[in-house]
Protein backbone atom coordinates (compact mmCIF):
# COMPACT_ATOMS: atom_id res chain seq x y z
CA UNK A 1 21.45 18.94 -17.69
CA UNK A 2 20.29 20.97 -14.56
CA UNK A 3 17.37 22.72 -14.67
CA UNK A 4 16.54 26.16 -14.22
CA UNK A 5 14.56 26.31 -11.09
CA UNK A 6 12.74 23.41 -9.61
CA UNK A 7 8.53 23.45 -8.43
CA UNK A 8 7.48 21.91 -4.67
CA UNK A 9 4.36 20.91 -5.24
CA UNK A 10 2.71 20.24 -1.71
CA UNK A 11 -0.89 18.58 -0.84
CA UNK A 12 -2.27 19.23 2.73
CA UNK A 13 -4.19 16.25 3.21
CA UNK A 14 -6.56 16.74 6.19
CA UNK A 15 -10.00 16.21 8.45
CA UNK A 16 -11.31 16.16 11.61
CA UNK A 17 -11.82 13.18 13.54
CA UNK A 18 -15.04 11.68 13.28
CA UNK A 19 -16.51 8.83 14.50
CA UNK A 20 -19.49 7.89 15.41
CA UNK A 21 -19.61 4.09 15.70
CA UNK A 22 -23.18 4.39 17.81
CA UNK A 23 -24.83 5.25 14.49
CA UNK A 24 -25.03 3.11 11.02
CA UNK A 25 -24.80 6.48 9.36
CA UNK A 26 -24.06 9.85 10.35
CA UNK A 27 -23.72 13.03 8.48
CA UNK A 28 -20.45 14.15 9.42
CA UNK A 29 -18.50 10.97 8.62
CA UNK A 30 -19.49 11.47 4.98
CA UNK A 31 -17.12 13.89 4.27
CA UNK A 32 -14.71 10.89 5.15
CA UNK A 33 -16.24 9.25 2.38
CA UNK A 34 -16.45 11.59 -0.02
CA UNK A 35 -12.78 12.31 -0.15
CA UNK A 36 -11.64 8.97 -0.42
CA UNK A 37 -13.81 7.81 -3.36
CA UNK A 38 -13.16 11.82 -5.17
CA UNK A 39 -9.68 12.74 -4.18
CA UNK A 40 -7.51 10.22 -2.25
CA UNK A 41 -8.13 7.34 -3.98
CA UNK A 42 -7.82 9.30 -7.70
CA UNK A 43 -4.95 10.62 -6.56
CA UNK A 44 -3.69 7.06 -5.14
CA UNK A 45 -4.53 5.79 -9.12
CA UNK A 46 -2.98 9.42 -10.31
CA UNK A 47 0.27 8.39 -8.79
CA UNK A 48 0.28 4.85 -9.19
CA UNK A 49 0.20 4.98 -13.13
CA UNK A 50 2.99 7.59 -13.23
CA UNK A 51 5.34 5.19 -11.82
CA UNK A 52 3.40 2.53 -13.98
CA UNK A 53 4.23 4.90 -17.08
CA UNK A 54 7.90 5.28 -15.88
CA UNK A 55 6.77 9.27 -15.38
CA UNK A 56 9.11 11.17 -13.04
CA UNK A 57 7.06 12.79 -10.53
CA UNK A 58 7.69 14.34 -7.21
CA UNK A 59 4.88 15.09 -4.72
CA UNK A 60 5.56 16.60 -1.05
CA UNK A 61 2.05 15.47 0.42
CA UNK A 62 0.52 15.85 4.46
CA UNK A 63 -1.53 12.99 5.89
CA UNK A 64 -2.67 14.61 9.52
CA UNK A 65 -2.87 12.26 11.75
CA UNK A 66 -6.14 12.15 12.57
CA UNK A 67 -6.96 11.29 8.20
CA UNK A 68 -4.20 8.29 9.29
CA UNK A 69 -6.38 6.63 12.33
CA UNK A 70 -9.79 7.36 10.14
CA UNK A 71 -7.58 5.29 7.01
CA UNK A 72 -6.74 2.45 8.75
CA UNK A 73 -9.85 2.24 11.19
CA UNK A 74 -11.68 -0.84 10.12
CA UNK A 75 -15.06 0.04 11.24
CA UNK A 76 -14.77 3.25 8.74
CA UNK A 77 -13.24 1.35 6.34
CA UNK A 78 -15.94 -1.78 6.35
CA UNK A 79 -18.85 1.52 5.77
CA UNK A 80 -16.66 3.37 3.39
CA UNK A 81 -16.76 -0.08 1.31
CA UNK A 82 -20.54 -0.21 2.20
CA UNK A 83 -20.72 3.02 0.77
CA UNK A 84 -18.73 2.82 -2.58
CA UNK A 85 -20.80 -1.06 -3.81
CA UNK A 86 -24.09 1.55 -2.95
CA UNK A 87 -21.94 4.36 -5.13
CA UNK A 88 -22.14 1.43 -7.71
CA UNK A 89 -25.71 -0.05 -7.66
CA UNK A 90 -26.71 3.66 -8.03
CA UNK A 91 -24.06 4.26 -11.41
CA UNK A 92 -25.84 0.86 -12.59
CA UNK A 93 -29.02 2.22 -12.33
CA UNK A 94 -28.10 5.02 -14.10
CA UNK A 95 -26.43 3.76 -16.37
CA UNK A 96 -30.08 1.62 -17.47
CA UNK A 97 -31.85 5.28 -16.98
CA UNK A 98 -29.83 7.84 -18.98
CA UNK A 99 -29.26 5.11 -21.99
CA UNK A 100 -32.05 7.44 -24.16
CA UNK A 101 -30.74 10.40 -23.10
CA UNK A 102 -27.24 11.64 -25.07
CA UNK A 103 -26.55 14.19 -22.88
CA UNK A 104 -26.78 12.01 -19.73
CA UNK A 105 -25.46 8.29 -20.41
CA UNK A 106 -22.00 9.31 -21.20
CA UNK A 107 -21.59 10.72 -18.01
CA UNK A 108 -22.89 8.05 -16.27
CA UNK A 109 -21.02 5.72 -18.06
CA UNK A 110 -17.75 8.10 -16.94
CA UNK A 111 -19.23 7.33 -12.83
CA UNK A 112 -19.56 3.71 -12.99
CA UNK A 113 -16.02 3.17 -14.86
CA UNK A 114 -14.78 5.46 -12.18
CA UNK A 115 -16.38 3.94 -9.00
CA UNK A 116 -15.25 0.25 -10.24
CA UNK A 117 -12.04 1.78 -10.49
CA UNK A 118 -11.86 2.91 -6.78
CA UNK A 119 -13.24 -0.82 -5.62
CA UNK A 120 -10.56 -2.46 -7.47
CA UNK A 121 -7.67 0.03 -5.69
CA UNK A 122 -9.69 -0.04 -2.57
CA UNK A 123 -9.45 -4.23 -2.75
CA UNK A 124 -6.14 -3.89 -3.49
CA UNK A 125 -5.00 -2.87 -0.43
CA UNK A 126 -7.50 -4.66 1.45
CA UNK A 127 -9.24 -1.70 2.78
CA UNK A 128 -6.16 0.27 3.85
CA UNK A 129 -5.08 2.70 1.41
CA UNK A 130 -2.23 4.17 3.79
CA UNK A 131 -0.29 1.12 2.29
CA UNK A 132 -0.44 2.32 -1.15
CA UNK A 133 0.42 5.79 -0.15
CA UNK A 134 3.36 4.01 1.61
CA UNK A 135 4.80 2.47 -0.93
CA UNK A 136 5.09 5.61 -3.13
CA UNK A 137 7.42 7.51 -0.56
CA UNK A 138 9.22 3.97 0.60
CA UNK A 139 10.50 3.92 -3.99
CA UNK A 140 10.77 7.77 -3.20
CA UNK A 141 8.34 9.59 -5.81
CA UNK A 142 6.07 10.81 -2.38
CA UNK A 143 7.34 12.59 0.82
CA UNK A 144 5.12 12.19 3.65
CA UNK A 145 5.15 14.59 5.87
CA UNK A 146 2.77 14.85 9.14
CA UNK A 147 1.20 17.12 11.09
CA UNK A 148 -0.31 18.36 14.41
CA UNK A 149 -1.66 15.42 15.90
CA UNK A 150 -5.28 16.19 16.01
CA UNK A 151 -4.98 19.77 14.01
CA UNK A 152 -4.71 21.88 16.93
CA UNK A 153 -3.43 25.00 16.95
CA UNK A 154 -0.26 25.36 17.94
CA UNK A 155 -0.17 29.76 18.37
CA UNK A 156 -2.91 29.99 20.63
CA UNK A 157 -1.95 27.05 22.98
CA UNK A 158 -0.76 29.04 25.91
CA UNK A 159 1.57 25.91 27.22
CA UNK A 160 4.58 24.69 25.30
CA UNK A 161 4.39 20.88 26.78
CA UNK A 162 0.72 21.03 24.83
CA UNK A 163 2.22 22.41 21.92
CA UNK A 164 4.96 19.17 22.45
CA UNK A 165 3.05 16.69 23.11
CA UNK A 166 0.55 17.70 19.60
CA UNK A 167 4.30 17.19 17.65
CA UNK A 168 5.21 14.14 19.79
CA UNK A 169 1.90 12.96 19.32
CA UNK A 170 1.75 13.52 15.77
CA UNK A 171 5.50 11.56 14.91
CA UNK A 172 5.00 8.46 17.08
CA UNK A 173 1.93 8.39 15.50
CA UNK A 174 3.24 8.28 11.89
CA UNK A 175 6.30 5.82 12.73
CA UNK A 176 2.68 3.25 13.38
CA UNK A 177 1.96 3.83 10.19
CA UNK A 178 4.13 4.05 7.65
CA UNK A 179 7.46 2.20 9.42
CA UNK A 180 9.58 5.33 9.89
CA UNK A 181 10.22 8.60 11.18
CA UNK A 182 7.90 11.69 9.78
CA UNK A 183 10.97 14.24 7.97
CA UNK A 184 8.67 17.10 7.66
CA UNK A 185 5.50 18.57 8.89
CA UNK A 186 2.58 20.97 7.97
CA UNK A 187 1.75 22.61 11.50
CA UNK A 188 -1.93 23.16 11.27
CA UNK A 189 -3.11 25.91 9.62
CA UNK A 190 0.43 27.22 8.53
CA UNK A 191 0.30 28.92 12.04
CA UNK A 192 3.36 30.12 13.21
CA UNK A 193 4.83 32.82 16.11
CA UNK A 194 8.44 32.47 16.51
CA UNK A 195 9.48 29.19 19.26
CA UNK A 196 7.39 26.19 17.25
CA UNK A 197 10.60 26.11 15.57
CA UNK A 198 12.03 24.83 18.37
CA UNK A 199 9.85 22.97 19.50
CA UNK A 200 9.88 21.04 15.56
CA UNK A 201 13.32 20.78 16.09
CA UNK A 202 13.02 19.22 19.54
CA UNK A 203 11.23 16.03 17.51
CA UNK A 204 14.16 15.80 15.11
CA UNK A 205 11.82 17.33 12.02
CA UNK A 206 13.72 18.41 9.29
CA UNK A 207 11.65 20.78 7.35
CA UNK A 208 7.78 22.31 7.70
CA UNK A 209 6.12 24.80 5.58
CA UNK A 210 4.69 28.78 5.93
CA UNK A 211 3.03 31.24 4.50
CA UNK A 212 4.56 33.45 2.20
CA UNK A 213 4.49 36.65 4.09
CA UNK A 214 5.83 34.52 6.66
CA UNK A 215 9.61 34.54 5.40
CA UNK A 216 8.84 38.64 3.70
CA UNK A 217 8.36 39.88 6.94
CA UNK A 218 11.24 37.73 8.89
CA UNK A 219 13.96 39.22 10.09
CA UNK A 220 16.32 39.69 8.55
CA UNK A 221 14.61 39.56 5.27
CA UNK A 222 15.10 36.56 2.81
CA UNK A 223 17.93 37.10 0.34
CA UNK A 224 15.55 35.15 -2.47
CA UNK A 225 12.27 35.71 -1.25
CA UNK A 226 9.98 33.36 -1.09
CA UNK A 227 12.26 31.23 -3.63
CA UNK A 228 14.67 29.46 -1.74
CA UNK A 229 14.10 27.74 2.03
CA UNK A 230 15.53 29.69 4.67
CA UNK A 231 17.22 27.72 8.18
CA UNK A 232 15.62 28.76 11.80
CA UNK A 233 17.95 30.15 13.91
CA UNK A 234 17.88 26.01 14.75
CA UNK A 235 18.76 25.13 11.83
CA UNK A 236 15.34 23.97 11.43
CA UNK A 237 14.56 24.94 7.49
CA UNK A 238 11.10 26.96 6.17
CA UNK A 239 9.65 26.56 2.86
CA UNK A 240 7.13 29.50 2.13
CA UNK A 241 4.16 29.47 -0.52
CA UNK A 242 4.28 31.20 -4.21
CA UNK A 243 1.09 32.95 -4.15
CA UNK A 244 1.06 33.75 -7.95
CA UNK A 245 0.37 29.86 -7.99
CA UNK A 246 -1.96 30.23 -5.42
CA UNK A 247 -4.22 32.47 -6.84
CA UNK A 248 -4.02 30.06 -10.16
CA UNK A 249 -4.95 27.54 -8.66
CA UNK A 250 -6.88 28.39 -5.44
CA UNK A 251 -9.37 31.00 -7.03
CA UNK A 252 -12.43 29.79 -7.92
CA UNK A 253 -13.01 33.69 -8.96
CA UNK A 254 -10.20 33.44 -11.47
CA UNK A 255 -8.14 30.42 -11.16
CA UNK A 256 -8.80 27.02 -13.00
CA UNK A 257 -11.88 25.90 -10.75
CA UNK A 258 -13.78 28.01 -12.33
CA UNK A 259 -13.76 27.33 -15.95
CA UNK A 260 -17.54 26.71 -17.00
CA UNK A 261 -16.60 22.98 -18.79
CA UNK A 262 -15.43 21.91 -15.43
CA UNK A 263 -18.43 19.69 -13.10
CA UNK A 264 -20.67 22.22 -10.85
CA UNK A 265 -20.06 20.89 -7.25
CA UNK A 266 -23.12 21.93 -6.05
CA UNK A 267 -26.04 20.25 -7.54
CA UNK A 268 -26.26 16.58 -7.32
CA UNK A 269 -28.90 14.08 -8.31
CA UNK A 270 -30.11 13.03 -4.79
CA UNK A 271 -32.23 16.64 -5.39
CA UNK A 272 -32.38 16.40 -8.88
CA UNK A 273 -33.89 12.80 -8.87
CA UNK A 274 -37.60 11.96 -7.96
CA UNK A 275 -37.36 10.82 -4.27
CA UNK A 276 -38.20 7.16 -4.44
CA UNK A 277 -35.39 6.73 -6.94
CA UNK A 278 -32.39 8.12 -4.68
CA UNK A 279 -34.03 7.32 -1.36
CA UNK A 280 -31.96 4.08 -1.20
CA UNK A 281 -28.74 6.03 -1.03
CA UNK A 282 -29.91 8.50 0.85
CA UNK A 283 -28.72 8.11 5.41
CA UNK A 284 -31.43 5.82 7.39
CA UNK A 285 -33.73 9.82 7.83
CA UNK A 286 -34.62 9.75 4.60
CA UNK A 287 -33.68 13.79 4.30
CA UNK A 288 -32.14 14.92 1.11
CA UNK A 289 -28.60 14.41 0.77
CA UNK A 290 -25.69 14.40 -1.98
CA UNK A 291 -25.05 11.19 -3.40
CA UNK A 292 -22.00 12.36 -4.91
CA UNK A 293 -23.24 12.00 -9.06
CA UNK A 294 -23.63 15.20 -10.61
CA UNK A 295 -23.97 15.88 -13.86
CA UNK A 296 -24.12 19.12 -14.72
CA UNK A 297 -21.20 21.68 -16.12
CA UNK A 298 -20.23 25.18 -14.23
CA UNK A 299 -21.31 27.24 -17.20
CA UNK A 300 -21.72 30.42 -15.76
CA UNK A 301 -23.04 32.76 -13.05
CA UNK A 302 -26.62 31.26 -13.27
CA UNK A 303 -28.71 29.77 -10.85
CA UNK A 304 -28.32 25.89 -10.61
CA UNK A 305 -31.95 24.81 -13.13
CA UNK A 306 -29.40 26.81 -15.32
CA UNK A 307 -26.81 24.17 -15.07
CA UNK A 308 -25.80 22.93 -18.76
CA UNK A 309 -24.72 18.82 -19.14
CA UNK A 310 -21.76 18.55 -18.31
CA UNK A 311 -19.08 17.06 -21.40
CA UNK A 312 -16.85 14.93 -19.96
CA UNK A 313 -14.49 15.01 -23.07
CA UNK A 314 -14.71 18.85 -22.88
CA UNK A 315 -13.50 18.88 -18.82
CA UNK A 316 -10.79 16.99 -19.61
CA UNK A 317 -9.30 19.13 -22.36
CA UNK A 318 -9.85 21.88 -20.27
CA UNK A 319 -8.00 19.76 -17.78
CA UNK A 320 -5.23 19.14 -20.33
CA UNK A 321 -5.12 22.78 -21.48
CA UNK A 322 -4.64 24.27 -18.04
CA UNK A 323 -1.80 22.09 -17.17
CA UNK A 324 0.13 23.23 -20.39
CA UNK A 325 -0.44 27.02 -19.23
CA UNK A 326 -0.12 26.29 -15.94
CA UNK A 327 3.40 24.35 -16.66
CA UNK A 328 4.08 27.45 -19.22
CA UNK A 329 3.93 29.99 -16.50
CA UNK A 330 6.14 28.14 -14.24
CA UNK A 331 8.65 27.69 -16.94
CA UNK A 332 8.64 31.73 -17.62
CA UNK A 333 8.75 32.37 -13.87
CA UNK A 334 11.60 30.46 -13.02
CA UNK A 335 13.69 31.86 -15.91
CA UNK A 336 12.76 34.88 -14.65
CA UNK A 337 13.84 34.38 -11.58
CA UNK A 338 16.90 32.64 -12.59
CA UNK A 339 18.60 35.97 -14.27
CA UNK A 340 17.51 37.90 -10.35
CA UNK A 341 18.66 34.66 -8.34
CA UNK A 342 22.62 33.34 -7.87
CA UNK A 343 20.71 29.66 -7.14
CA UNK A 344 17.84 28.37 -8.98
CA UNK A 345 14.83 29.78 -8.20
CA UNK A 346 12.47 27.00 -6.37
CA UNK A 347 8.59 27.54 -6.58
CA UNK A 348 6.37 25.89 -3.82
CA UNK A 349 2.98 25.35 -4.89
CA UNK A 350 0.96 24.21 -1.47
CA UNK A 351 -2.83 22.84 -1.26
CA UNK A 352 -5.72 21.13 0.55
CA UNK A 353 -5.44 17.69 -1.26
CA UNK A 354 -9.29 17.35 -1.04
CA UNK A 355 -9.38 20.84 -3.68
CA UNK A 356 -8.27 17.90 -6.05
CA UNK A 357 -11.26 15.89 -7.11
CA UNK A 358 -14.12 16.78 -4.20
CA UNK A 359 -13.90 21.06 -4.67
CA UNK A 360 -12.46 20.54 -8.39
CA UNK A 361 -13.61 17.16 -9.76
CA UNK A 362 -10.42 17.00 -12.21
CA UNK A 363 -8.12 18.01 -10.10
CA UNK A 364 -6.43 15.00 -10.32
CA UNK A 365 -6.40 14.86 -14.16
CA UNK A 366 -4.91 18.60 -14.13
CA UNK A 367 -2.26 16.66 -12.07
CA UNK A 368 -1.93 13.63 -14.72
CA UNK A 369 -1.52 16.04 -17.35
CA UNK A 370 0.60 18.68 -15.19
CA UNK A 371 3.95 15.60 -14.62
CA UNK A 372 3.19 14.09 -17.65
CA UNK A 373 3.49 17.71 -19.52
CA UNK A 374 6.44 18.62 -17.54
CA UNK A 375 8.55 15.11 -17.65
CA UNK A 376 8.14 15.36 -21.76
CA UNK A 377 7.72 18.28 -23.10
CA UNK A 378 10.54 21.36 -21.30
CA UNK A 379 13.46 20.46 -19.05
CA UNK A 380 13.23 24.27 -17.04
CA UNK A 381 11.95 22.91 -14.56
CA UNK A 382 12.40 19.82 -12.91
CA UNK A 383 9.73 18.12 -9.75
CA UNK A 384 11.54 18.07 -5.79
CA UNK A 385 10.84 17.86 -2.44
CA UNK A 386 12.02 19.38 0.12
CA UNK A 387 14.60 16.91 1.47
CA UNK A 388 16.02 16.37 -1.60
CA UNK A 389 16.71 20.21 -1.94
CA UNK A 390 18.38 20.67 1.04
CA UNK A 391 20.33 18.23 -0.31
CA UNK A 392 20.77 19.75 -3.09
CA UNK A 393 22.03 22.88 -1.41
CA UNK A 394 22.96 22.64 1.54
CA UNK A 395 23.98 26.58 2.67
CA UNK A 396 20.94 28.64 3.03
CA UNK A 397 20.23 31.48 5.04
CA UNK A 398 18.65 32.06 8.79
CA UNK A 399 16.02 33.95 9.26
CA UNK A 400 13.17 33.83 12.13
CA UNK A 401 9.74 33.77 10.42
CA UNK A 402 7.53 36.25 11.49
CA UNK A 403 4.03 34.98 13.44
CA UNK A 404 1.70 34.32 10.41
CA UNK A 405 -1.14 31.76 9.17
CA UNK A 406 -2.51 31.29 5.33
CA UNK A 407 -5.82 31.54 7.22
CA UNK A 408 -7.77 34.76 6.19
CA UNK A 409 -6.03 38.58 6.80
CA UNK A 410 -3.24 35.95 7.40
CA UNK A 411 -3.18 35.84 11.36
CA UNK A 412 -5.10 33.87 14.03
CA UNK A 413 -8.32 35.97 13.92
CA UNK A 414 -9.87 32.63 11.93
CA UNK A 415 -9.14 31.21 14.97
CA UNK A 416 -9.90 33.49 17.77
CA UNK A 417 -13.07 35.78 17.23
CA UNK A 418 -16.25 36.34 19.00
CA UNK A 419 -17.77 33.17 17.90
CA UNK A 420 -15.45 30.78 19.50
CA UNK A 421 -12.93 32.67 22.04
CA UNK A 422 -14.69 31.27 25.21
CA UNK A 423 -13.56 28.14 24.37
CA UNK A 424 -9.60 28.99 24.56
CA UNK A 425 -10.07 29.52 29.13
CA UNK A 426 -11.50 25.74 29.11
CA UNK A 427 -8.89 24.36 26.56
CA UNK A 428 -5.82 25.94 28.62
CA UNK A 429 -7.22 24.43 31.89
CA UNK A 430 -7.72 20.96 30.44
CA UNK A 431 -4.60 21.00 29.18
CA UNK A 432 -3.07 22.45 32.59
CA UNK A 433 -4.39 19.45 34.07
CA UNK A 434 -3.31 17.14 31.70
CA UNK A 435 0.34 17.77 32.96
CA UNK A 436 -0.75 18.45 36.24
CA UNK A 437 -2.14 14.53 36.07
CA UNK A 438 0.90 13.42 33.34
CA UNK A 439 3.28 14.81 36.63
CA UNK A 440 1.19 13.36 39.26
CA UNK A 441 1.09 9.43 37.72
CA UNK A 442 4.63 9.39 35.67
CA UNK A 443 4.60 5.71 36.18
CA UNK A 444 1.36 4.41 36.17
CA UNK A 445 0.41 1.27 34.53
CA UNK A 446 -3.15 -0.49 34.70
CA UNK A 447 -6.65 1.11 34.47
CA UNK A 448 -4.71 3.91 35.67
CA UNK A 449 -2.57 4.33 32.09
CA UNK A 450 -5.26 3.56 30.25
CA UNK A 451 -7.31 6.33 32.16
CA UNK A 452 -3.71 8.55 31.44
CA UNK A 453 -4.22 7.70 27.63
CA UNK A 454 -7.47 8.34 27.15
CA UNK A 455 -7.99 11.76 28.57
CA UNK A 456 -4.78 12.50 26.69
CA UNK A 457 -7.02 11.37 23.67
CA UNK A 458 -9.89 13.23 24.56
CA UNK A 459 -7.59 16.68 25.46
CA UNK A 460 -6.44 16.20 22.24
CA UNK A 461 -9.59 15.78 20.10
CA UNK A 462 -10.84 18.90 22.01
CA UNK A 463 -7.40 21.04 20.44
CA UNK A 464 -9.13 20.46 16.61
CA UNK A 465 -8.25 23.64 15.18
CA UNK A 466 -11.35 22.35 12.86
CA UNK A 467 -13.34 23.08 15.17
CA UNK A 468 -12.78 26.99 15.76
CA UNK A 469 -13.04 27.24 12.21
CA UNK A 470 -15.81 24.93 11.20
CA UNK A 471 -17.87 28.16 14.16
CA UNK A 472 -15.91 30.94 11.92
CA UNK A 473 -17.57 30.12 9.07
CA UNK A 474 -20.66 29.48 10.37
CA UNK A 475 -21.57 26.02 8.73
CA UNK A 476 -21.77 22.83 11.04
CA UNK A 477 -21.87 25.15 13.95
CA UNK A 478 -23.75 22.93 16.41
CA UNK A 479 -21.61 19.83 16.10
CA UNK A 480 -17.86 21.49 16.08
CA UNK A 481 -19.27 23.14 19.44
CA UNK A 482 -21.20 20.08 20.81
CA UNK A 483 -17.81 17.84 19.94
CA UNK A 484 -15.57 20.57 21.71
CA UNK A 485 -17.95 20.51 24.96
CA UNK A 486 -18.20 16.58 25.15
CA UNK A 487 -14.17 15.72 24.79
CA UNK A 488 -13.93 19.09 27.09
CA UNK A 489 -16.55 16.97 29.78
CA UNK A 490 -15.11 13.11 28.77
CA UNK A 491 -11.52 14.73 29.73
CA UNK A 492 -13.36 16.55 32.76
CA UNK A 493 -15.08 13.41 34.40
CA UNK A 494 -11.14 11.61 33.86
CA UNK A 495 -9.32 14.49 35.40
CA UNK A 496 -11.75 14.05 38.17
CA UNK A 497 -12.11 10.23 38.44
CA UNK A 498 -8.41 9.98 38.08
CA UNK A 499 -7.92 12.15 41.24
CA UNK A 500 -10.55 10.18 43.50
CA UNK A 501 -8.86 7.17 42.70
CA UNK A 502 -12.12 5.91 41.27
CA UNK A 503 -11.77 5.18 37.79
CA UNK A 504 -15.55 4.09 36.20
CA UNK A 505 -13.94 1.31 33.96
CA UNK A 506 -17.52 0.93 31.29
CA UNK A 507 -17.54 4.20 31.59
CA UNK A 508 -13.65 4.68 30.20
CA UNK A 509 -14.30 1.51 28.06
CA UNK A 510 -16.90 3.61 26.20
CA UNK A 511 -14.42 6.58 25.68
CA UNK A 512 -12.35 4.10 24.62
CA UNK A 513 -14.44 1.71 22.04
CA UNK A 514 -15.83 5.75 20.72
CA UNK A 515 -12.85 7.51 20.09
CA UNK A 516 -10.01 5.26 20.03
CA UNK A 517 -7.70 7.47 17.75
CA UNK A 518 -3.85 6.87 18.91
CA UNK A 519 -4.05 3.26 19.50
CA UNK A 520 -0.22 3.53 20.85
CA UNK A 521 -0.99 6.94 22.69
CA UNK A 522 1.76 7.54 25.96
CA UNK A 523 0.33 10.47 28.12
CA UNK A 524 3.89 10.65 29.58
CA UNK A 525 4.11 12.72 26.22
CA UNK A 526 2.71 15.77 28.35
CA UNK A 527 5.85 14.86 30.76
């Protein structure tokens, strides 16, 4: 029997490309290691258990090119494995330290078990967990989509060839990791303006995602609102976010993650315990940092020092309760919508993947309970991927979506404001120069080809929307500014050397070693 409606879960997994081989440990590299332990491995464990237990699930998941390249990098893999073993060692010490502390001992045991599960799964794939996600795609449970090559903000690029290169490099790199061409894409920050769809179509992509108002303000107004995809005039499909499910999960104030029973993110044993005890698990500079083990729950709006001990079973019960509530709301939603629409409604829920596990510790458990309840407890709503929906319902309205993003206020000002506007004149000039080089040397080989390929890497890395975002949020601003400037300087040096026929090969080799993203890159993407 056909369901009353459908639900599409889209998880956007992305981190900026951070790799510093010169340093034994680097603060910003921890972004990746934390996400592996807290989000990517826990999600992979949940997904594989679904397959093992015969639970029907369909999830769409971005694995951005920059993230895929970090996950596949042997240096970062080896560094993560050392971190993981340190976590296990620390958890073992904590079991001993808390053995007579009843409120903390179960938490220490929980962490030890989780880290051991992570290690087992990590070893299963010899450190390359992309293989695990690829396997899930190969059996039809996970739809892995791509993103702009370095999460570049397309509407703020003033050259179509630069925009196209972000997409072409991403699609080519996707084939290298997953063996097939991507069918869908997450345009960075959901940042759309009319014309981008033509570039996506040019790379044979079938669908992309937009913010709700991109469809609602489209021309003509969509007949089904955000509860069915539309086709852009060139035939590529756009799926829009349902805001009800966004607020229900995203909001720390009114959404599930703010529940008092869930783990408190901001209180960590790296600050709670005696310095000498935690020092072996800090960076070589010895500065106190989070060590990823947290023993307290949100409790309520109280200072960190007043947070109460975390109770794992209570948090699990709450995650199951919230999963049930979410499913009830979705079934009620599609039943109501089905009465007004002439086709089964589609609810699209879009989230950063890192919310599940990293920011919301119980997020992977929520997903686990939700799909199991959806599988066993009802037949009103069914999970589906965009491609499956388009195959099932190939006739859809033609609409031109409006300019939009999913940033604050819905447009572009997060990435273009007085804190970061100065970078764009330099990014525009570098893009013009890259196109100039590609046209000047259309058939390069040898050292010249290497220099042109590295020039493309440096430009793409400078274009990452993450740096402008960080400048706006006023966190790690110095690092974001340095990364933007360093890549632009690297590009400019290479540009001059190429034009002067004086390529400094040791300098080039150094850049190739340090900024080695996109191993198969071809500078001709800029032709």
